PDB file of N, CA and C in Angstrom:
ATOM      1  N   UNK A   1     -44.130  66.713   9.620  1.00  0.00           N
ATOM      2  CA  UNK A   1     -44.221  67.942   9.239  1.00  0.00           C
ATOM      3  C   UNK A   1     -42.775  68.482   8.149  1.00  0.00           C
ATOM      4  N   UNK A   2     -43.081  68.842   6.870  1.00  0.00           N
ATOM      5  CA  UNK A   2     -41.609  68.810   5.825  1.00  0.00           C
ATOM      6  C   UNK A   2     -40.893  69.811   6.632  1.00  0.00           C
ATOM      7  N   UNK A   3     -39.989  69.464   6.172  1.00  0.00           N
ATOM      8  CA  UNK A   3     -38.659  71.016   6.619  1.00  0.00           C
ATOM      9  C   UNK A   3     -38.606  71.883   5.591  1.00  0.00           C
ATOM     10  N   UNK A   4     -38.406  72.857   5.911  1.00  0.00           N
ATOM     11  CA  UNK A   4     -38.819  74.245   4.804  1.00  0.00           C
ATOM     12  C   UNK A   4     -37.127  73.973   3.750  1.00  0.00           C
ATOM     13  N   UNK A   5     -37.504  74.651   2.823  1.00  0.00           N
ATOM     14  CA  UNK A   5     -36.251  74.447   1.751  1.00  0.00           C
ATOM     15  C   UNK A   5     -35.267  75.159   2.138  1.00  0.00           C
ATOM     16  N   UNK A   6     -35.531  76.407   2.743  1.00  0.00           N
ATOM     17  CA  UNK A   6     -34.415  77.280   3.426  1.00  0.00           C
ATOM     18  C   UNK A   6     -33.383  76.417   4.410  1.00  0.00           C
ATOM     19  N   UNK A   7     -33.861  75.681   5.221  1.00  0.00           N
ATOM     20  CA  UNK A   7     -33.568  74.904   6.222  1.00  0.00           C
ATOM     21  C   UNK A   7     -32.614  73.679   5.611  1.00  0.00           C
ATOM     22  N   UNK A   8     -33.302  73.232   4.356  1.00  0.00           N
ATOM     23  CA  UNK A   8     -32.378  72.171   3.801  1.00  0.00           C
ATOM     24  C   UNK A   8     -31.131  72.714   2.978  1.00  0.00           C
ATOM     25  N   UNK A   9     -31.431  73.788   2.319  1.00  0.00           N
ATOM     26  CA  UNK A   9     -30.324  74.399   1.987  1.00  0.00           C
ATOM     27  C   UNK A   9     -29.063  74.932   3.082  1.00  0.00           C
ATOM     28  N   UNK A  10     -29.227  75.766   4.002  1.00  0.00           N
ATOM     29  CA  UNK A  10     -28.629  75.643   4.984  1.00  0.00           C
ATOM     30  C   UNK A  10     -27.966  74.290   5.477  1.00  0.00           C
ATOM     31  N   UNK A  11     -28.480  73.266   5.698  1.00  0.00           N
ATOM     32  CA  UNK A  11     -28.011  72.203   6.252  1.00  0.00           C
ATOM     33  C   UNK A  11     -27.360  71.643   5.222  1.00  0.00           C
ATOM     34  N   UNK A  12     -27.433  71.492   4.175  1.00  0.00           N
ATOM     35  CA  UNK A  12     -26.449  71.041   2.604  1.00  0.00           C
ATOM     36  C   UNK A  12     -25.436  72.077   2.879  1.00  0.00           C
ATOM     37  N   UNK A  13     -25.483  72.987   2.801  1.00  0.00           N
ATOM     38  CA  UNK A  13     -24.089  74.301   2.632  1.00  0.00           C
ATOM     39  C   UNK A  13     -23.326  73.705   4.425  1.00  0.00           C
ATOM     40  N   UNK A  14     -23.782  73.731   5.066  1.00  0.00           N
ATOM     41  CA  UNK A  14     -23.076  73.201   6.431  1.00  0.00           C
ATOM     42  C   UNK A  14     -22.592  72.000   6.373  1.00  0.00           C
ATOM     43  N   UNK A  15     -22.867  70.876   5.800  1.00  0.00           N
ATOM     44  CA  UNK A  15     -22.000  69.939   5.304  1.00  0.00           C
ATOM     45  C   UNK A  15     -21.310  69.507   4.446  1.00  0.00           C
ATOM     46  N   UNK A  16     -21.132  70.609   3.275  1.00  0.00           N
ATOM     47  CA  UNK A  16     -20.387  70.849   2.788  1.00  0.00           C
ATOM     48  C   UNK A  16     -19.033  71.505   3.124  1.00  0.00           C
ATOM     49  N   UNK A  17     -18.990  72.726   3.941  1.00  0.00           N
ATOM     50  CA  UNK A  17     -18.388  72.947   4.610  1.00  0.00           C
ATOM     51  C   UNK A  17     -17.377  72.066   5.698  1.00  0.00           C
ATOM     52  N   UNK A  18     -18.409  71.684   6.326  1.00  0.00           N
ATOM     53  CA  UNK A  18     -17.519  70.445   7.218  1.00  0.00           C
ATOM     54  C   UNK A  18     -17.161  69.395   6.551  1.00  0.00           C
ATOM     55  N   UNK A  19     -17.441  68.954   5.340  1.00  0.00           N
ATOM     56  CA  UNK A  19     -16.592  68.027   4.515  1.00  0.00           C
ATOM     57  C   UNK A  19     -15.083  68.296   4.262  1.00  0.00           C
ATOM     58  N   UNK A  20     -15.229  69.957   3.695  1.00  0.00           N
ATOM     59  CA  UNK A  20     -14.006  70.116   3.275  1.00  0.00           C
ATOM     60  C   UNK A  20     -13.208  70.479   4.338  1.00  0.00           C
ATOM     61  N   UNK A  21     -13.736  70.943   5.366  1.00  0.00           N
ATOM     62  CA  UNK A  21     -12.684  70.994   6.513  1.00  0.00           C
ATOM     63  C   UNK A  21     -12.173  70.025   7.046  1.00  0.00           C
ATOM     64  N   UNK A  22     -13.078  68.864   7.390  1.00  0.00           N
ATOM     65  CA  UNK A  22     -12.520  67.088   7.834  1.00  0.00           C
ATOM     66  C   UNK A  22     -11.630  66.849   6.798  1.00  0.00           C
ATOM     67  N   UNK A  23     -11.489  67.107   5.390  1.00  0.00           N
ATOM     68  CA  UNK A  23     -10.643  66.679   4.461  1.00  0.00           C
ATOM     69  C   UNK A  23      -9.622  67.185   4.756  1.00  0.00           C
ATOM     70  N   UNK A  24      -9.385  68.728   4.890  1.00  0.00           N
ATOM     71  CA  UNK A  24      -8.270  69.292   5.001  1.00  0.00           C
ATOM     72  C   UNK A  24      -7.526  69.112   6.540  1.00  0.00           C
ATOM     73  N   UNK A  25      -8.451  68.676   7.137  1.00  0.00           N
ATOM     74  CA  UNK A  25      -7.370  68.192   8.726  1.00  0.00           C
ATOM     75  C   UNK A  25      -7.021  66.902   8.723  1.00  0.00           C
ATOM     76  N   UNK A  26      -7.695  65.803   7.904  1.00  0.00           N
ATOM     77  CA  UNK A  26      -6.758  64.560   7.954  1.00  0.00           C
ATOM     78  C   UNK A  26      -6.012  64.352   7.001  1.00  0.00           C
ATOM     79  N   UNK A  27      -5.892  65.291   5.676  1.00  0.00           N
ATOM     80  CA  UNK A  27      -4.795  65.481   4.677  1.00  0.00           C
ATOM     81  C   UNK A  27      -3.583  65.900   5.826  1.00  0.00           C
ATOM     82  N   UNK A  28      -3.520  66.838   6.257  1.00  0.00           N
ATOM     83  CA  UNK A  28      -2.778  67.692   7.303  1.00  0.00           C
ATOM     84  C   UNK A  28      -2.423  66.348   8.421  1.00  0.00           C
ATOM     85  N   UNK A  29      -3.288  65.898   9.162  1.00  0.00           N
ATOM     86  CA  UNK A  29      -3.136  65.015  10.168  1.00  0.00           C
ATOM     87  C   UNK A  29      -2.099  63.642   9.582  1.00  0.00           C
ATOM     88  N   UNK A  30      -3.277  63.157   8.948  1.00  0.00           N
ATOM     89  CA  UNK A  30      -2.484  61.913   8.662  1.00  0.00           C
ATOM     90  C   UNK A  30      -1.664  61.814   7.112  1.00  0.00           C
ATOM     91  N   UNK A  31      -2.176  62.846   6.239  1.00  0.00           N
ATOM     92  CA  UNK A  31      -1.229  62.751   5.176  1.00  0.00           C
ATOM     93  C   UNK A  31       0.190  63.137   5.336  1.00  0.00           C
ATOM     94  N   UNK A  32       0.860  64.272   6.367  1.00  0.00           N
ATOM     95  CA  UNK A  32       1.859  64.928   6.648  1.00  0.00           C
ATOM     96  C   UNK A  32       2.272  64.300   7.320  1.00  0.00           C
ATOM     97  N   UNK A  33       1.618  63.472   8.561  1.00  0.00           N
ATOM     98  CA  UNK A  33       2.219  63.255   9.921  1.00  0.00           C
ATOM     99  C   UNK A  33       2.460  61.647   9.697  1.00  0.00           C
ATOM    100  N   UNK A  34       2.034  61.096   8.838  1.00  0.00           N
ATOM    101  CA  UNK A  34       2.073  59.759   8.539  1.00  0.00           C
ATOM    102  C   UNK A  34       2.477  59.431   6.872  1.00  0.00           C
ATOM    103  N   UNK A  35       2.040  59.606   5.979  1.00  0.00           N
ATOM    104  CA  UNK A  35       2.298  59.231   4.378  1.00  0.00           C
ATOM    105  C   UNK A  35       3.121  59.885   3.855  1.00  0.00           C
ATOM    106  N   UNK A  36       3.187  61.274   4.209  1.00  0.00           N
ATOM    107  CA  UNK A  36       4.635  62.037   3.587  1.00  0.00           C
ATOM    108  C   UNK A  36       5.577  62.116   4.772  1.00  0.00           C
ATOM    109  N   UNK A  37       5.754  61.159   5.763  1.00  0.00           N
ATOM    110  CA  UNK A  37       6.492  61.909   6.789  1.00  0.00           C
ATOM    111  C   UNK A  37       8.227  61.597   6.118  1.00  0.00           C
ATOM    112  N   UNK A  38       8.652  60.563   5.798  1.00  0.00           N
ATOM    113  CA  UNK A  38       9.643  60.532   4.792  1.00  0.00           C
ATOM    114  C   UNK A  38       9.826  61.904   4.160  1.00  0.00           C
ATOM    115  N   UNK A  39       9.334  62.007   3.160  1.00  0.00           N
ATOM    116  CA  UNK A  39       9.595  63.205   2.411  1.00  0.00           C
ATOM    117  C   UNK A  39       9.730  64.387   3.384  1.00  0.00           C
ATOM    118  N   UNK A  40       9.036  64.840   4.280  1.00  0.00           N
ATOM    119  CA  UNK A  40       9.186  66.016   5.087  1.00  0.00           C
ATOM    120  C   UNK A  40       9.853  65.902   6.292  1.00  0.00           C
ATOM    121  N   UNK A  41      10.705  64.626   6.398  1.00  0.00           N
ATOM    122  CA  UNK A  41      11.703  64.627   7.116  1.00  0.00           C
ATOM    123  C   UNK A  41      13.282  65.181   6.636  1.00  0.00           C
ATOM    124  N   UNK A  42      12.939  65.396   5.398  1.00  0.00           N
ATOM    125  CA  UNK A  42      14.125  66.142   5.055  1.00  0.00           C
ATOM    126  C   UNK A  42      14.450  67.488   5.382  1.00  0.00           C
ATOM    127  N   UNK A  43      13.288  67.974   5.976  1.00  0.00           N
ATOM    128  CA  UNK A  43      13.523  69.294   6.268  1.00  0.00           C
ATOM    129  C   UNK A  43      13.341  69.122   7.648  1.00  0.00           C
ATOM    130  N   UNK A  44      13.656  70.779   8.424  1.00  0.00           N
ATOM    131  CA  UNK A  44      13.436  70.681   9.987  1.00  0.00           C
ATOM    132  C   UNK A  44      12.965  72.040   9.972  1.00  0.00           C
ATOM    133  N   UNK A  45      11.869  71.896  11.164  1.00  0.00           N
ATOM    134  CA  UNK A  45      11.237  73.192  12.105  1.00  0.00           C
ATOM    135  C   UNK A  45      11.917  73.322  13.508  1.00  0.00           C
ATOM    136  N   UNK A  46      12.192  74.009  13.904  1.00  0.00           N
ATOM    137  CA  UNK A  46      12.424  74.258  15.414  1.00  0.00           C
ATOM    138  C   UNK A  46      13.633  73.068  15.611  1.00  0.00           C
ATOM    139  N   UNK A  47      14.452  72.811  15.071  1.00  0.00           N
ATOM    140  CA  UNK A  47      15.443  71.422  15.423  1.00  0.00           C
ATOM    141  C   UNK A  47      14.731  70.184  15.171  1.00  0.00           C
ATOM    142  N   UNK A  48      13.396  70.051  14.597  1.00  0.00           N
ATOM    143  CA  UNK A  48      12.791  68.942  14.642  1.00  0.00           C
ATOM    144  C   UNK A  48      12.841  68.477  13.147  1.00  0.00           C
ATOM    145  N   UNK A  49      12.615  67.206  13.013  1.00  0.00           N
ATOM    146  CA  UNK A  49      12.461  66.931  11.575  1.00  0.00           C
ATOM    147  C   UNK A  49      10.745  67.053  11.370  1.00  0.00           C
ATOM    148  N   UNK A  50      10.521  67.950   9.830  1.00  0.00           N
ATOM    149  CA  UNK A  50       8.847  68.187   9.560  1.00  0.00           C
ATOM    150  C   UNK A  50       8.086  67.463  10.287  1.00  0.00           C
ATOM    151  N   UNK A  51       8.120  66.015   9.290  1.00  0.00           N
ATOM    152  CA  UNK A  51       7.281  65.013   9.451  1.00  0.00           C
ATOM    153  C   UNK A  51       6.946  64.971  11.021  1.00  0.00           C
ATOM    154  N   UNK A  52       7.738  64.713  12.040  1.00  0.00           N
ATOM    155  CA  UNK A  52       7.584  64.767  13.408  1.00  0.00           C
ATOM    156  C   UNK A  52       6.687  65.574  13.826  1.00  0.00           C
ATOM    157  N   UNK A  53       6.897  66.958  13.313  1.00  0.00           N
ATOM    158  CA  UNK A  53       6.682  68.326  13.930  1.00  0.00           C
ATOM    159  C   UNK A  53       4.782  68.130  13.327  1.00  0.00           C
ATOM    160  N   UNK A  54       4.823  67.814  12.436  1.00  0.00           N
ATOM    161  CA  UNK A  54       3.236  67.670  11.515  1.00  0.00           C
ATOM    162  C   UNK A  54       2.500  66.561  12.641  1.00  0.00           C
ATOM    163  N   UNK A  55       3.471  65.762  12.606  1.00  0.00           N
ATOM    164  CA  UNK A  55       2.683  64.612  13.392  1.00  0.00           C
ATOM    165  C   UNK A  55       1.980  64.875  14.933  1.00  0.00           C
ATOM    166  N   UNK A  56       3.344  65.669  15.815  1.00  0.00           N
ATOM    167  CA  UNK A  56       3.038  66.249  16.945  1.00  0.00           C
ATOM    168  C   UNK A  56       2.421  67.398  17.652  1.00  0.00           C
ATOM    169  N   UNK A  57       2.538  68.374  16.553  1.00  0.00           N
ATOM    170  CA  UNK A  57       1.978  69.982  16.673  1.00  0.00           C
ATOM    171  C   UNK A  57       1.508  70.073  15.437  1.00  0.00           C
ATOM    172  N   UNK A  58       1.917  70.197  14.491  1.00  0.00           N
ATOM    173  CA  UNK A  58       0.978  70.757  13.415  1.00  0.00           C
ATOM    174  C   UNK A  58      -0.407  70.421  13.017  1.00  0.00           C
ATOM    175  N   UNK A  59      -0.876  69.355  13.489  1.00  0.00           N
ATOM    176  CA  UNK A  59      -2.295  68.699  13.020  1.00  0.00           C
ATOM    177  C   UNK A  59      -3.360  69.566  13.904  1.00  0.00           C
ATOM    178  N   UNK A  60      -2.192  69.512  15.508  1.00  0.00           N
ATOM    179  CA  UNK A  60      -2.915  70.499  16.507  1.00  0.00           C
ATOM    180  C   UNK A  60      -3.580  71.821  16.207  1.00  0.00           C
ATOM    181  N   UNK A  61      -2.333  72.531  15.274  1.00  0.00           N
ATOM    182  CA  UNK A  61      -2.051  73.877  14.975  1.00  0.00           C
ATOM    183  C   UNK A  61      -3.709  74.264  13.951  1.00  0.00           C
ATOM    184  N   UNK A  62      -3.317  73.145  12.869  1.00  0.00           N
ATOM    185  CA  UNK A  62      -4.263  73.411  11.376  1.00  0.00           C
ATOM    186  C   UNK A  62      -5.560  72.994  12.307  1.00  0.00           C
ATOM    187  N   UNK A  63      -5.639  72.054  12.933  1.00  0.00           N
ATOM    188  CA  UNK A  63      -7.317  71.894  13.713  1.00  0.00           C
ATOM    189  C   UNK A  63      -7.629  73.167  14.593  1.00  0.00           C
ATOM    190  N   UNK A  64      -6.891  73.734  15.440  1.00  0.00           N
ATOM    191  CA  UNK A  64      -7.253  75.178  15.796  1.00  0.00           C
ATOM    192  C   UNK A  64      -7.939  76.469  14.672  1.00  0.00           C
ATOM    193  N   UNK A  65      -7.038  76.274  13.822  1.00  0.00           N
ATOM    194  CA  UNK A  65      -7.066  76.733  12.665  1.00  0.00           C
ATOM    195  C   UNK A  65      -8.632  77.103  12.198  1.00  0.00           C
ATOM    196  N   UNK A  66      -8.988  75.506  11.787  1.00  0.00           N
ATOM    197  CA  UNK A  66      -9.872  74.863  10.821  1.00  0.00           C
ATOM    198  C   UNK A  66     -10.819  75.584  11.988  1.00  0.00           C
ATOM    199  N   UNK A  67     -10.936  75.156  13.367  1.00  0.00           N
ATOM    200  CA  UNK A  67     -12.411  75.790  14.167  1.00  0.00           C
ATOM    201  C   UNK A  67     -12.393  77.597  14.085  1.00  0.00           C
ATOM    202  N   UNK A  68     -11.526  78.125  13.942  1.00  0.00           N
ATOM    203  CA  UNK A  68     -12.029  79.593  13.699  1.00  0.00           C
ATOM    204  C   UNK A  68     -12.408  79.814  12.370  1.00  0.00           C
ATOM    205  N   UNK A  69     -11.900  79.223  11.166  1.00  0.00           N
ATOM    206  CA  UNK A  69     -12.767  79.377   9.844  1.00  0.00           C
ATOM    207  C   UNK A  69     -13.789  78.921   9.802  1.00  0.00           C
ATOM    208  N   UNK A  70     -14.426  77.487  10.460  1.00  0.00           N
ATOM    209  CA  UNK A  70     -15.590  77.151  10.618  1.00  0.00           C
ATOM    210  C   UNK A  70     -16.320  78.153  10.995  1.00  0.00           C
ATOM    211  N   UNK A  71     -16.114  78.645  12.388  1.00  0.00           N
ATOM    212  CA  UNK A  71     -16.709  79.954  12.847  1.00  0.00           C
ATOM    213  C   UNK A  71     -17.175  80.847  12.071  1.00  0.00           C
ATOM    214  N   UNK A  72     -16.012  81.300  11.475  1.00  0.00           N
ATOM    215  CA  UNK A  72     -16.351  82.558  10.291  1.00  0.00           C
ATOM    216  C   UNK A  72     -17.072  81.964   9.173  1.00  0.00           C
ATOM    217  N   UNK A  73     -17.190  80.616   8.669  1.00  0.00           N
ATOM    218  CA  UNK A  73     -18.203  79.974   7.654  1.00  0.00           C
ATOM    219  C   UNK A  73     -19.476  80.299   8.033  1.00  0.00           C
ATOM    220  N   UNK A  74     -19.570  79.554   9.515  1.00  0.00           N
ATOM    221  CA  UNK A  74     -21.095  79.186   9.816  1.00  0.00           C
ATOM    222  C   UNK A  74     -21.749  80.968  10.019  1.00  0.00           C
ATOM    223  N   UNK A  75     -21.040  81.953  10.393  1.00  0.00           N
ATOM    224  CA  UNK A  75     -21.788  83.250  10.957  1.00  0.00           C
ATOM    225  C   UNK A  75     -21.790  83.627   9.521  1.00  0.00           C
ATOM    226  N   UNK A  76     -21.323  83.820   8.198  1.00  0.00           N
ATOM    227  CA  UNK A  76     -21.684  84.113   7.177  1.00  0.00           C
ATOM    228  C   UNK A  76     -22.560  83.181   6.776  1.00  0.00           C
ATOM    229  N   UNK A  77     -22.852  81.730   7.149  1.00  0.00           N
ATOM    230  CA  UNK A  77     -24.101  81.327   6.673  1.00  0.00           C
ATOM    231  C   UNK A  77     -25.226  81.722   7.092  1.00  0.00           C
ATOM    232  N   UNK A  78     -25.077  81.485   8.700  1.00  0.00           N
ATOM    233  CA  UNK A  78     -26.063  82.387   9.120  1.00  0.00           C
ATOM    234  C   UNK A  78     -26.846  83.484   8.688  1.00  0.00           C
ATOM    235  N   UNK A  79     -25.885  84.088   8.749  1.00  0.00           N
ATOM    236  CA  UNK A  79     -26.220  85.731   8.054  1.00  0.00           C
ATOM    237  C   UNK A  79     -27.060  85.497   6.634  1.00  0.00           C
ATOM    238  N   UNK A  80     -26.705  84.538   5.995  1.00  0.00           N
ATOM    239  CA  UNK A  80     -27.086  84.051   4.506  1.00  0.00           C
ATOM    240  C   UNK A  80     -28.712  83.725   4.625  1.00  0.00           C
ATOM    241  N   UNK A  81     -29.114  82.924   5.288  1.00  0.00           N
ATOM    242  CA  UNK A  81     -30.334  82.244   5.693  1.00  0.00           C
ATOM    243  C   UNK A  81     -31.142  82.812   6.914  1.00  0.00           C
ATOM    244  N   UNK A  82     -30.890  83.670   7.542  1.00  0.00           N
ATOM    245  CA  UNK A  82     -31.244  84.295   8.383  1.00  0.00           C
ATOM    246  C   UNK A  82     -31.337  83.831   9.845  1.00  0.00           C
ATOM    247  N   UNK A  83     -30.321  82.691  10.543  1.00  0.00           N
ATOM    248  CA  UNK A  83     -30.277  82.618  11.431  1.00  0.00           C
ATOM    249  C   UNK A  83     -29.206  82.773  12.435  1.00  0.00           C
ATOM    250  N   UNK A  84     -28.850  84.334  12.247  1.00  0.00           N
ATOM    251  CA  UNK A  84     -27.800  84.925  12.767  1.00  0.00           C
ATOM    252  C   UNK A  84     -28.796  85.105  14.281  1.00  0.00           C
ATOM    253  N   UNK A  85     -27.694  85.418  15.273  1.00  0.00           N
ATOM    254  CA  UNK A  85     -28.465  86.261  16.210  1.00  0.00           C
ATOM    255  C   UNK A  85     -28.537  87.525  16.244  1.00  0.00           C
ATOM    256  N   UNK A  86     -29.243  88.250  16.722  1.00  0.00           N
ATOM    257  CA  UNK A  86     -29.635  89.757  16.660  1.00  0.00           C
ATOM    258  C   UNK A  86     -29.111  90.146  17.644  1.00  0.00           C
TER     259      UNK A  86
END
């Protein structure tokens, strides 16, 4: 049974959103917490070096924010393709 074109477009756009959000999360958690740690440690936040803060807290906060962004994007996408709850 072939998949309807509408469903293909929906899934393609969903994968695009997921990819972008995961790249952002990776950049913040791995990049800020590990790769750019030495540069960020020049600054402090709440008495802690910024690189340490991103590794311990910042990536978690960004992840939670990205969850809400994903929810918002998916609600819009559901409405666009007619999959929203009525």
